[in-house]
Amino acid sequence: MSEEPTTPDLEGLARQGIDAINRRDFDAVLARYMPDAVWVAASPGIAGTFEGRDAIRGALEDAVAPYDDYEVVLEEFRDLGNCVTFNVQLARGRPTGSSVFVEQRVAWVTVWTDGLIERSSIYTDIDEARAAAERLAEERR
């Protein structure tokens, strides 16, 4: 008899969320967040602390709205244990009315609870994010 996994596939859940943002399906993106989730962003396109699904949705919509074409690619994913993940994403977009694409690479440090995102922090400094994620995973042991 095979046993079902007891922990969710966090990389799979993250990939589903990225697929949803690429479709601009904000309902599907937010379904991956706890109702009282916190999102801390420190990137030029999105900056601030957003609490709750409505605030996170507004930040996402504002970040994607200026682009006719927008895509996020997951470049690296690490499950650090203790419900902490680290990933690197490349966001690529073509602003409305332009023929030029712009890119930004950011890192996400995410805390999960029961397969839902409790807190995400977005960093522009990949090394800083990696170190923060590793510290957080260790602190949660």
N, C-alpha and C. Protein backbone atom coordinates (compact mmCIF):
# COMPACT_ATOMS: atom_id res chain seq x y z
N MET A 1 0.84 -1.17 0.00
CA MET A 1 0.00 0.00 0.00
C MET A 1 0.89 1.24 0.00
N SER A 2 0.63 2.18 -0.90
CA SER A 2 1.43 3.40 -0.96
C SER A 2 0.87 4.43 0.00
N GLU A 3 1.78 5.20 0.56
CA GLU A 3 1.36 6.25 1.48
C GLU A 3 1.32 7.57 0.73
N GLU A 4 0.34 8.38 1.07
CA GLU A 4 0.23 9.71 0.50
C GLU A 4 1.22 10.62 1.22
N PRO A 5 1.84 11.58 0.49
CA PRO A 5 2.74 12.49 1.16
C PRO A 5 1.98 13.33 2.20
N THR A 6 2.63 13.60 3.32
CA THR A 6 1.98 14.37 4.38
C THR A 6 2.29 15.85 4.27
N THR A 7 3.31 16.22 3.49
CA THR A 7 3.64 17.62 3.32
C THR A 7 3.31 18.04 1.90
N PRO A 8 2.82 19.25 1.73
CA PRO A 8 2.47 19.69 0.37
C PRO A 8 3.73 19.91 -0.47
N ASP A 9 3.58 19.78 -1.77
CA ASP A 9 4.65 20.05 -2.73
C ASP A 9 4.72 21.56 -2.91
N LEU A 10 5.57 22.20 -2.11
CA LEU A 10 5.63 23.66 -2.12
C LEU A 10 6.15 24.21 -3.45
N GLU A 11 7.08 23.49 -4.08
CA GLU A 11 7.54 23.95 -5.39
C GLU A 11 6.40 23.88 -6.41
N GLY A 12 5.63 22.82 -6.38
CA GLY A 12 4.49 22.70 -7.28
C GLY A 12 3.48 23.81 -7.05
N LEU A 13 3.22 24.13 -5.78
CA LEU A 13 2.29 25.21 -5.46
C LEU A 13 2.83 26.56 -5.94
N ALA A 14 4.13 26.78 -5.77
CA ALA A 14 4.73 28.03 -6.24
C ALA A 14 4.63 28.13 -7.77
N ARG A 15 4.90 27.03 -8.46
CA ARG A 15 4.80 27.04 -9.93
C ARG A 15 3.36 27.31 -10.39
N GLN A 16 2.39 26.74 -9.69
CA GLN A 16 0.99 27.00 -10.04
C GLN A 16 0.66 28.49 -9.87
N GLY A 17 1.19 29.10 -8.80
CA GLY A 17 0.97 30.52 -8.58
C GLY A 17 1.59 31.38 -9.68
N ILE A 18 2.79 31.01 -10.11
CA ILE A 18 3.44 31.74 -11.19
C ILE A 18 2.67 31.57 -12.50
N ASP A 19 2.21 30.36 -12.76
CA ASP A 19 1.39 30.15 -13.96
C ASP A 19 0.14 31.03 -13.91
N ALA A 20 -0.46 31.16 -12.74
CA ALA A 20 -1.67 31.99 -12.59
C ALA A 20 -1.36 33.46 -12.83
N ILE A 21 -0.24 33.96 -12.30
CA ILE A 21 0.09 35.37 -12.52
C ILE A 21 0.38 35.60 -14.01
N ASN A 22 1.00 34.63 -14.66
CA ASN A 22 1.26 34.78 -16.10
C ASN A 22 -0.03 34.84 -16.91
N ARG A 23 -1.09 34.23 -16.40
CA ARG A 23 -2.41 34.30 -17.06
C ARG A 23 -3.21 35.52 -16.59
N ARG A 24 -2.64 36.24 -15.62
CA ARG A 24 -3.33 37.35 -14.95
C ARG A 24 -4.62 36.88 -14.28
N ASP A 25 -4.56 35.69 -13.75
CA ASP A 25 -5.68 35.10 -13.01
C ASP A 25 -5.46 35.36 -11.53
N PHE A 26 -5.83 36.57 -11.10
CA PHE A 26 -5.54 37.00 -9.74
C PHE A 26 -6.32 36.20 -8.70
N ASP A 27 -7.50 35.70 -9.05
CA ASP A 27 -8.25 34.85 -8.11
C ASP A 27 -7.45 33.57 -7.80
N ALA A 28 -6.86 32.97 -8.84
CA ALA A 28 -6.08 31.76 -8.64
C ALA A 28 -4.80 32.06 -7.84
N VAL A 29 -4.19 33.21 -8.09
CA VAL A 29 -2.99 33.59 -7.32
C VAL A 29 -3.36 33.72 -5.85
N LEU A 30 -4.42 34.45 -5.56
CA LEU A 30 -4.78 34.73 -4.16
C LEU A 30 -5.31 33.51 -3.44
N ALA A 31 -5.77 32.52 -4.16
CA ALA A 31 -6.23 31.28 -3.52
C ALA A 31 -5.08 30.56 -2.83
N ARG A 32 -3.85 30.92 -3.16
CA ARG A 32 -2.67 30.31 -2.54
C ARG A 32 -2.23 31.03 -1.27
N TYR A 33 -2.91 32.12 -0.93
CA TYR A 33 -2.56 32.92 0.24
C TYR A 33 -3.58 32.73 1.36
N MET A 34 -3.09 32.76 2.60
CA MET A 34 -4.00 32.77 3.74
C MET A 34 -4.77 34.09 3.71
N PRO A 35 -5.97 34.14 4.26
CA PRO A 35 -6.74 35.39 4.23
C PRO A 35 -6.00 36.57 4.86
N ASP A 36 -5.20 36.33 5.89
CA ASP A 36 -4.48 37.41 6.58
C ASP A 36 -2.99 37.43 6.24
N ALA A 37 -2.64 36.91 5.07
CA ALA A 37 -1.23 36.84 4.65
C ALA A 37 -0.61 38.23 4.60
N VAL A 38 0.72 38.24 4.73
CA VAL A 38 1.49 39.48 4.65
C VAL A 38 2.48 39.34 3.51
N TRP A 39 2.59 40.40 2.73
CA TRP A 39 3.48 40.45 1.57
C TRP A 39 4.35 41.68 1.75
N VAL A 40 5.66 41.50 1.84
CA VAL A 40 6.60 42.61 2.01
C VAL A 40 7.43 42.69 0.74
N ALA A 41 7.33 43.81 0.05
CA ALA A 41 8.01 43.96 -1.23
C ALA A 41 8.94 45.17 -1.18
N ALA A 42 10.13 44.96 -1.70
CA ALA A 42 11.12 46.04 -1.76
C ALA A 42 11.73 46.09 -3.15
N SER A 43 10.88 46.08 -4.15
CA SER A 43 11.38 46.17 -5.52
C SER A 43 10.81 47.42 -6.17
N PRO A 44 11.46 47.92 -7.22
CA PRO A 44 10.98 49.15 -7.85
C PRO A 44 9.52 49.09 -8.32
N GLY A 45 9.07 47.94 -8.80
CA GLY A 45 7.70 47.83 -9.30
C GLY A 45 6.67 47.73 -8.20
N ILE A 46 7.07 47.16 -7.07
CA ILE A 46 6.17 46.99 -5.93
C ILE A 46 6.98 47.26 -4.68
N ALA A 47 6.53 48.18 -3.86
CA ALA A 47 7.24 48.45 -2.62
C ALA A 47 6.22 48.71 -1.52
N GLY A 48 6.46 48.10 -0.37
CA GLY A 48 5.60 48.30 0.78
C GLY A 48 5.23 47.00 1.44
N THR A 49 4.41 47.11 2.47
CA THR A 49 3.89 45.95 3.17
C THR A 49 2.39 45.89 2.92
N PHE A 50 1.94 44.73 2.46
CA PHE A 50 0.55 44.54 2.09
C PHE A 50 -0.02 43.43 2.96
N GLU A 51 -1.09 43.71 3.67
CA GLU A 51 -1.67 42.75 4.60
C GLU A 51 -3.06 42.35 4.14
N GLY A 52 -3.25 41.06 3.98
CA GLY A 52 -4.54 40.52 3.55
C GLY A 52 -4.62 40.37 2.04
N ARG A 53 -5.51 39.47 1.64
CA ARG A 53 -5.64 39.16 0.20
C ARG A 53 -6.01 40.37 -0.65
N ASP A 54 -6.90 41.24 -0.15
CA ASP A 54 -7.30 42.39 -0.95
C ASP A 54 -6.12 43.32 -1.23
N ALA A 55 -5.31 43.57 -0.22
CA ALA A 55 -4.15 44.45 -0.39
C ALA A 55 -3.13 43.81 -1.33
N ILE A 56 -2.91 42.51 -1.18
CA ILE A 56 -1.97 41.81 -2.04
C ILE A 56 -2.47 41.83 -3.48
N ARG A 57 -3.74 41.62 -3.66
CA ARG A 57 -4.32 41.66 -5.02
C ARG A 57 -4.09 43.03 -5.66
N GLY A 58 -4.34 44.08 -4.91
CA GLY A 58 -4.14 45.43 -5.43
C GLY A 58 -2.70 45.67 -5.86
N ALA A 59 -1.75 45.21 -5.04
CA ALA A 59 -0.34 45.37 -5.37
C ALA A 59 0.02 44.58 -6.64
N LEU A 60 -0.48 43.36 -6.75
CA LEU A 60 -0.23 42.55 -7.94
C LEU A 60 -0.81 43.19 -9.19
N GLU A 61 -2.05 43.61 -9.10
CA GLU A 61 -2.69 44.23 -10.26
C GLU A 61 -1.94 45.49 -10.68
N ASP A 62 -1.52 46.31 -9.69
CA ASP A 62 -0.78 47.53 -10.01
C ASP A 62 0.57 47.21 -10.66
N ALA A 63 1.21 46.13 -10.22
CA ALA A 63 2.52 45.77 -10.77
C ALA A 63 2.43 45.28 -12.21
N VAL A 64 1.37 44.58 -12.55
CA VAL A 64 1.23 43.98 -13.87
C VAL A 64 0.54 44.93 -14.86
N ALA A 65 -0.29 45.83 -14.38
CA ALA A 65 -1.11 46.69 -15.24
C ALA A 65 -0.34 47.47 -16.31
N PRO A 66 0.86 47.97 -16.05
CA PRO A 66 1.55 48.77 -17.07
C PRO A 66 2.08 47.99 -18.27
N TYR A 67 1.91 46.68 -18.28
CA TYR A 67 2.53 45.84 -19.31
C TYR A 67 1.50 45.19 -20.22
N ASP A 68 1.77 45.27 -21.53
CA ASP A 68 0.97 44.51 -22.49
C ASP A 68 1.35 43.04 -22.42
N ASP A 69 2.64 42.78 -22.35
CA ASP A 69 3.15 41.42 -22.21
C ASP A 69 3.88 41.34 -20.88
N TYR A 70 3.60 40.28 -20.13
CA TYR A 70 4.22 40.12 -18.81
C TYR A 70 4.38 38.64 -18.53
N GLU A 71 5.55 38.27 -18.05
CA GLU A 71 5.81 36.86 -17.78
C GLU A 71 6.78 36.76 -16.60
N VAL A 72 6.53 35.78 -15.75
CA VAL A 72 7.43 35.46 -14.66
C VAL A 72 7.98 34.05 -14.91
N VAL A 73 9.29 33.90 -14.74
CA VAL A 73 9.94 32.61 -14.92
C VAL A 73 10.61 32.23 -13.60
N LEU A 74 10.33 31.03 -13.12
CA LEU A 74 10.97 30.53 -11.91
C LEU A 74 12.34 30.00 -12.29
N GLU A 75 13.40 30.63 -11.77
CA GLU A 75 14.76 30.22 -12.12
C GLU A 75 15.36 29.27 -11.09
N GLU A 76 14.98 29.41 -9.84
CA GLU A 76 15.53 28.57 -8.78
C GLU A 76 14.48 28.43 -7.69
N PHE A 77 14.41 27.24 -7.10
CA PHE A 77 13.49 27.00 -5.99
C PHE A 77 14.18 26.10 -4.98
N ARG A 78 14.11 26.48 -3.72
CA ARG A 78 14.65 25.64 -2.65
C ARG A 78 13.67 25.59 -1.50
N ASP A 79 13.33 24.38 -1.09
CA ASP A 79 12.54 24.16 0.11
C ASP A 79 13.55 23.97 1.24
N LEU A 80 13.63 24.92 2.15
CA LEU A 80 14.63 24.92 3.20
C LEU A 80 14.17 24.19 4.46
N GLY A 81 12.97 23.64 4.40
CA GLY A 81 12.42 22.95 5.57
C GLY A 81 11.71 23.93 6.49
N ASN A 82 10.99 23.37 7.44
CA ASN A 82 10.27 24.18 8.42
C ASN A 82 9.30 25.17 7.77
N CYS A 83 8.78 24.78 6.61
CA CYS A 83 7.78 25.57 5.87
C CYS A 83 8.34 26.89 5.34
N VAL A 84 9.64 26.93 5.06
CA VAL A 84 10.27 28.12 4.49
C VAL A 84 10.83 27.75 3.12
N THR A 85 10.53 28.59 2.13
CA THR A 85 11.09 28.39 0.80
C THR A 85 11.80 29.65 0.33
N PHE A 86 12.70 29.44 -0.60
CA PHE A 86 13.46 30.52 -1.24
C PHE A 86 13.34 30.28 -2.74
N ASN A 87 13.05 31.33 -3.49
CA ASN A 87 13.07 31.17 -4.94
C ASN A 87 13.52 32.44 -5.62
N VAL A 88 14.05 32.26 -6.82
CA VAL A 88 14.48 33.38 -7.65
C VAL A 88 13.59 33.39 -8.87
N GLN A 89 13.06 34.58 -9.16
CA GLN A 89 12.17 34.74 -10.30
C GLN A 89 12.68 35.85 -11.20
N LEU A 90 12.50 35.65 -12.50
CA LEU A 90 12.77 36.69 -13.48
C LEU A 90 11.42 37.17 -14.00
N ALA A 91 11.14 38.45 -13.79
CA ALA A 91 9.93 39.06 -14.33
C ALA A 91 10.34 39.83 -15.58
N ARG A 92 9.60 39.59 -16.64
CA ARG A 92 9.91 40.20 -17.93
C ARG A 92 8.63 40.79 -18.50
N GLY A 93 8.68 42.07 -18.88
CA GLY A 93 7.48 42.70 -19.40
C GLY A 93 7.77 43.73 -20.47
N ARG A 94 6.76 43.95 -21.30
CA ARG A 94 6.82 45.00 -22.32
C ARG A 94 5.79 46.05 -21.96
N PRO A 95 6.27 47.24 -21.54
CA PRO A 95 5.33 48.29 -21.17
C PRO A 95 4.39 48.65 -22.32
N THR A 96 3.18 49.00 -21.97
CA THR A 96 2.18 49.39 -22.96
C THR A 96 2.74 50.48 -23.87
N GLY A 97 2.58 50.29 -25.17
CA GLY A 97 3.02 51.26 -26.16
C GLY A 97 4.50 51.19 -26.51
N SER A 98 5.21 50.23 -25.95
CA SER A 98 6.64 50.12 -26.20
C SER A 98 6.93 48.81 -26.94
N SER A 99 8.07 48.78 -27.61
CA SER A 99 8.51 47.54 -28.24
C SER A 99 9.67 46.92 -27.47
N VAL A 100 10.07 47.56 -26.38
CA VAL A 100 11.22 47.13 -25.59
C VAL A 100 10.74 46.38 -24.35
N PHE A 101 11.40 45.27 -24.05
CA PHE A 101 11.10 44.50 -22.85
C PHE A 101 12.05 44.93 -21.73
N VAL A 102 11.53 44.93 -20.52
CA VAL A 102 12.34 45.20 -19.33
C VAL A 102 12.31 43.94 -18.47
N GLU A 103 13.38 43.74 -17.70
CA GLU A 103 13.48 42.56 -16.86
C GLU A 103 13.91 42.95 -15.46
N GLN A 104 13.46 42.16 -14.51
CA GLN A 104 13.91 42.32 -13.13
C GLN A 104 13.98 40.95 -12.48
N ARG A 105 15.09 40.67 -11.85
CA ARG A 105 15.28 39.42 -11.12
C ARG A 105 15.12 39.72 -9.63
N VAL A 106 14.26 38.95 -8.98
CA VAL A 106 14.02 39.12 -7.55
C VAL A 106 14.02 37.76 -6.87
N ALA A 107 14.19 37.79 -5.56
CA ALA A 107 14.12 36.57 -4.77
C ALA A 107 12.96 36.70 -3.79
N TRP A 108 12.31 35.57 -3.56
CA TRP A 108 11.19 35.50 -2.63
C TRP A 108 11.55 34.58 -1.48
N VAL A 109 11.25 35.03 -0.28
CA VAL A 109 11.35 34.19 0.92
C VAL A 109 9.92 34.03 1.41
N THR A 110 9.47 32.79 1.48
CA THR A 110 8.07 32.52 1.77
C THR A 110 7.92 31.56 2.93
N VAL A 111 6.95 31.88 3.81
CA VAL A 111 6.58 31.00 4.91
C VAL A 111 5.20 30.45 4.58
N TRP A 112 5.07 29.12 4.68
CA TRP A 112 3.85 28.42 4.32
C TRP A 112 3.20 27.81 5.56
N THR A 113 1.88 27.75 5.55
CA THR A 113 1.12 27.05 6.59
C THR A 113 0.04 26.24 5.89
N ASP A 114 0.09 24.93 6.08
CA ASP A 114 -0.91 24.03 5.49
C ASP A 114 -1.09 24.26 3.99
N GLY A 115 0.02 24.48 3.28
CA GLY A 115 -0.03 24.63 1.83
C GLY A 115 -0.47 26.01 1.35
N LEU A 116 -0.62 26.96 2.27
CA LEU A 116 -0.98 28.33 1.91
C LEU A 116 0.13 29.27 2.34
N ILE A 117 0.28 30.36 1.62
CA ILE A 117 1.31 31.35 1.94
C ILE A 117 0.84 32.19 3.12
N GLU A 118 1.67 32.20 4.15
CA GLU A 118 1.42 33.02 5.34
C GLU A 118 2.11 34.38 5.20
N ARG A 119 3.34 34.34 4.67
CA ARG A 119 4.12 35.57 4.52
C ARG A 119 5.12 35.39 3.38
N SER A 120 5.23 36.42 2.54
CA SER A 120 6.24 36.45 1.49
C SER A 120 6.98 37.77 1.56
N SER A 121 8.29 37.68 1.39
CA SER A 121 9.11 38.88 1.32
C SER A 121 9.88 38.84 0.01
N ILE A 122 9.87 39.95 -0.71
CA ILE A 122 10.52 40.04 -2.00
C ILE A 122 11.77 40.91 -1.86
N TYR A 123 12.88 40.39 -2.35
CA TYR A 123 14.16 41.07 -2.25
C TYR A 123 14.74 41.30 -3.64
N THR A 124 15.41 42.42 -3.83
CA THR A 124 16.16 42.63 -5.07
C THR A 124 17.59 42.11 -4.94
N ASP A 125 18.08 41.96 -3.71
CA ASP A 125 19.41 41.41 -3.47
C ASP A 125 19.26 39.91 -3.22
N ILE A 126 19.64 39.09 -4.19
CA ILE A 126 19.44 37.64 -4.13
C ILE A 126 20.20 37.03 -2.96
N ASP A 127 21.45 37.46 -2.75
CA ASP A 127 22.25 36.90 -1.66
C ASP A 127 21.66 37.25 -0.29
N GLU A 128 21.17 38.46 -0.16
CA GLU A 128 20.52 38.87 1.09
C GLU A 128 19.28 38.01 1.35
N ALA A 129 18.52 37.75 0.32
CA ALA A 129 17.32 36.93 0.46
C ALA A 129 17.67 35.49 0.84
N ARG A 130 18.69 34.95 0.20
CA ARG A 130 19.11 33.58 0.49
C ARG A 130 19.51 33.46 1.96
N ALA A 131 20.30 34.42 2.44
CA ALA A 131 20.75 34.41 3.84
C ALA A 131 19.56 34.56 4.79
N ALA A 132 18.62 35.44 4.45
CA ALA A 132 17.43 35.63 5.30
C ALA A 132 16.60 34.36 5.35
N ALA A 133 16.45 33.70 4.21
CA ALA A 133 15.65 32.46 4.17
C ALA A 133 16.31 31.37 5.00
N GLU A 134 17.61 31.24 4.88
CA GLU A 134 18.31 30.22 5.65
C GLU A 134 18.21 30.49 7.14
N ARG A 135 18.36 31.75 7.56
CA ARG A 135 18.21 32.12 8.99
C ARG A 135 16.80 31.79 9.47
N LEU A 136 15.81 32.17 8.68
CA LEU A 136 14.41 31.94 9.07
C LEU A 136 14.12 30.45 9.23
N ALA A 137 14.57 29.65 8.28
CA ALA A 137 14.34 28.20 8.37
C ALA A 137 15.00 27.64 9.63
N GLU A 138 16.19 28.12 9.94
CA GLU A 138 16.90 27.65 11.14
C GLU A 138 16.16 28.09 12.41
N GLU A 139 15.68 29.33 12.44
CA GLU A 139 14.96 29.84 13.61
C GLU A 139 13.67 29.07 13.87
N ARG A 140 13.06 28.54 12.82
CA ARG A 140 11.78 27.83 12.96
C ARG A 140 11.96 26.37 13.35
N ARG A 141 13.18 25.89 13.53
CA ARG A 141 13.42 24.50 13.94
C ARG A 141 12.99 24.27 15.35
